[in-house]
Amino acid sequence: MFREKYIVTEECDRMGCRLDGPSLESVRELGRLPSIPTDRGCVQIPPSGKPILLLSDSQTMGGYAVASHVIELDLVILKLREN
């Protein structure tokens, strides 16, 4: 995931943004995991293998793999680019 480029898609709201890029096949095999705490900036990988960046109004618990976490400064930059 860290060597690939992902683009924020139009499927974006206050809960999260879908990212377009290579599907993460190895994570897909994990399926649903026990629920763990999530917060703004978590990058979850659902069964589709397409990452979702969680934002301000996202759920606080999730059962998908969390592949990464985006730092607050980068979330601010993302917000500025939206406008």
C-alpha atoms as a PDB file:
ATOM      1  CA  MET A   1       0.000   0.000   0.000  1.00  0.00           C
ATOM      2  CA  PHE A   2       2.787   2.427   0.829  1.00  0.00           C
ATOM      3  CA  ARG A   3       4.416   2.193  -2.596  1.00  0.00           C
ATOM      4  CA  GLU A   4       1.219   2.713  -4.556  1.00  0.00           C
ATOM      5  CA  LYS A   5      -0.653   5.902  -5.389  1.00  0.00           C
ATOM      6  CA  TYR A   6      -4.256   6.273  -4.229  1.00  0.00           C
ATOM      7  CA  ILE A   7      -6.646   9.027  -5.275  1.00  0.00           C
ATOM      8  CA  VAL A   8      -9.628  10.320  -3.290  1.00  0.00           C
ATOM      9  CA  THR A   9     -12.768   9.537  -5.315  1.00  0.00           C
ATOM     10  CA  GLU A  10     -16.011  11.497  -5.612  1.00  0.00           C
ATOM     11  CA  GLU A  11     -17.496   9.089  -3.043  1.00  0.00           C
ATOM     12  CA  CYS A  12     -16.599  11.355  -0.165  1.00  0.00           C
ATOM     13  CA  ASP A  13     -18.613  12.821   2.699  1.00  0.00           C
ATOM     14  CA  ARG A  14     -18.092  13.708   6.372  1.00  0.00           C
ATOM     15  CA  MET A  15     -17.962  10.000   7.279  1.00  0.00           C
ATOM     16  CA  GLY A  16     -15.217   8.995   4.871  1.00  0.00           C
ATOM     17  CA  CYS A  17     -13.673   8.952   1.418  1.00  0.00           C
ATOM     18  CA  ARG A  18     -13.195   5.970  -0.828  1.00  0.00           C
ATOM     19  CA  LEU A  19      -9.726   5.746  -2.315  1.00  0.00           C
ATOM     20  CA  ASP A  20      -9.060   4.567  -5.854  1.00  0.00           C
ATOM     21  CA  GLY A  21      -5.940   2.556  -6.539  1.00  0.00           C
ATOM     22  CA  PRO A  22      -4.758  -1.031  -6.533  1.00  0.00           C
ATOM     23  CA  SER A  23      -6.983  -3.429  -4.611  1.00  0.00           C
ATOM     24  CA  LEU A  24      -5.313  -4.824  -1.518  1.00  0.00           C
ATOM     25  CA  GLU A  25      -5.857  -8.515  -2.198  1.00  0.00           C
ATOM     26  CA  SER A  26      -3.885  -9.798   0.791  1.00  0.00           C
ATOM     27  CA  VAL A  27      -6.096  -7.859   3.205  1.00  0.00           C
ATOM     28  CA  ARG A  28      -9.252  -9.075   1.477  1.00  0.00           C
ATOM     29  CA  GLU A  29      -8.460 -12.599   2.631  1.00  0.00           C
ATOM     30  CA  LEU A  30      -8.739 -11.504   6.266  1.00  0.00           C
ATOM     31  CA  GLY A  31     -12.460 -10.792   5.929  1.00  0.00           C
ATOM     32  CA  ARG A  32     -14.182  -9.267   8.930  1.00  0.00           C
ATOM     33  CA  LEU A  33     -12.116  -8.917  12.068  1.00  0.00           C
ATOM     34  CA  PRO A  34     -13.175  -8.358  15.680  1.00  0.00           C
ATOM     35  CA  SER A  35     -14.392  -4.791  16.160  1.00  0.00           C
ATOM     36  CA  ILE A  36     -11.666  -2.354  17.140  1.00  0.00           C
ATOM     37  CA  PRO A  37     -11.748   1.374  17.933  1.00  0.00           C
ATOM     38  CA  THR A  38     -11.358   3.644  14.919  1.00  0.00           C
ATOM     39  CA  ASP A  39     -11.011   7.381  14.585  1.00  0.00           C
ATOM     40  CA  ARG A  40     -10.552  10.169  12.090  1.00  0.00           C
ATOM     41  CA  GLY A  41      -7.643   9.353   9.793  1.00  0.00           C
ATOM     42  CA  CYS A  42      -7.857   5.547   9.946  1.00  0.00           C
ATOM     43  CA  VAL A  43      -7.623   3.810   6.574  1.00  0.00           C
ATOM     44  CA  GLN A  44      -9.896   0.761   6.639  1.00  0.00           C
ATOM     45  CA  ILE A  45      -9.830  -2.043   4.087  1.00  0.00           C
ATOM     46  CA  PRO A  46     -13.295  -3.544   3.470  1.00  0.00           C
ATOM     47  CA  PRO A  47     -13.795  -6.894   1.660  1.00  0.00           C
ATOM     48  CA  SER A  48     -13.649  -5.100  -1.721  1.00  0.00           C
ATOM     49  CA  GLY A  49      -9.965  -4.375  -1.046  1.00  0.00           C
ATOM     50  CA  LYS A  50     -10.521  -0.679  -1.855  1.00  0.00           C
ATOM     51  CA  PRO A  51      -9.375   1.553   1.048  1.00  0.00           C
ATOM     52  CA  ILE A  52     -11.670   3.963   2.883  1.00  0.00           C
ATOM     53  CA  LEU A  53     -10.255   6.986   4.722  1.00  0.00           C
ATOM     54  CA  LEU A  54     -12.355   7.652   7.825  1.00  0.00           C
ATOM     55  CA  LEU A  55     -13.226  11.283   8.523  1.00  0.00           C
ATOM     56  CA  SER A  56     -14.909  13.411  11.221  1.00  0.00           C
ATOM     57  CA  ASP A  57     -18.309  11.686  11.390  1.00  0.00           C
ATOM     58  CA  SER A  58     -17.103   8.105  10.957  1.00  0.00           C
ATOM     59  CA  GLN A  59     -18.046   5.248  13.220  1.00  0.00           C
ATOM     60  CA  THR A  60     -16.011   4.766  16.398  1.00  0.00           C
ATOM     61  CA  MET A  61     -15.762   0.966  16.087  1.00  0.00           C
ATOM     62  CA  GLY A  62     -15.066  -1.099  13.000  1.00  0.00           C
ATOM     63  CA  GLY A  63     -14.534  -4.693  11.954  1.00  0.00           C
ATOM     64  CA  TYR A  64     -12.345  -4.151   8.894  1.00  0.00           C
ATOM     65  CA  ALA A  65      -8.566  -4.239   8.812  1.00  0.00           C
ATOM     66  CA  VAL A  66      -6.929  -0.866   9.493  1.00  0.00           C
ATOM     67  CA  ALA A  67      -3.973  -0.574   7.140  1.00  0.00           C
ATOM     68  CA  SER A  68      -2.737   2.877   8.036  1.00  0.00           C
ATOM     69  CA  HIS A  69      -3.501   6.186   9.705  1.00  0.00           C
ATOM     70  CA  VAL A  70      -3.354   9.593   8.004  1.00  0.00           C
ATOM     71  CA  ILE A  71      -1.882  12.336  10.206  1.00  0.00           C
ATOM     72  CA  GLU A  72      -3.987  15.381  11.113  1.00  0.00           C
ATOM     73  CA  LEU A  73      -1.935  17.804   8.983  1.00  0.00           C
ATOM     74  CA  ASP A  74      -2.595  15.737   5.854  1.00  0.00           C
ATOM     75  CA  LEU A  75      -6.315  15.615   6.689  1.00  0.00           C
ATOM     76  CA  VAL A  76      -6.300  19.437   6.842  1.00  0.00           C
ATOM     77  CA  ILE A  77      -4.586  19.570   3.428  1.00  0.00           C
ATOM     78  CA  LEU A  78      -7.231  17.188   2.036  1.00  0.00           C
ATOM     79  CA  LYS A  79      -9.982  19.465   3.382  1.00  0.00           C
ATOM     80  CA  LEU A  80      -8.372  22.543   1.807  1.00  0.00           C
ATOM     81  CA  ARG A  81      -8.204  20.812  -1.581  1.00  0.00           C
ATOM     82  CA  GLU A  82     -11.927  19.999  -1.382  1.00  0.00           C
ATOM     83  CA  ASN A  83     -12.799  23.706  -1.295  1.00  0.00           C
END
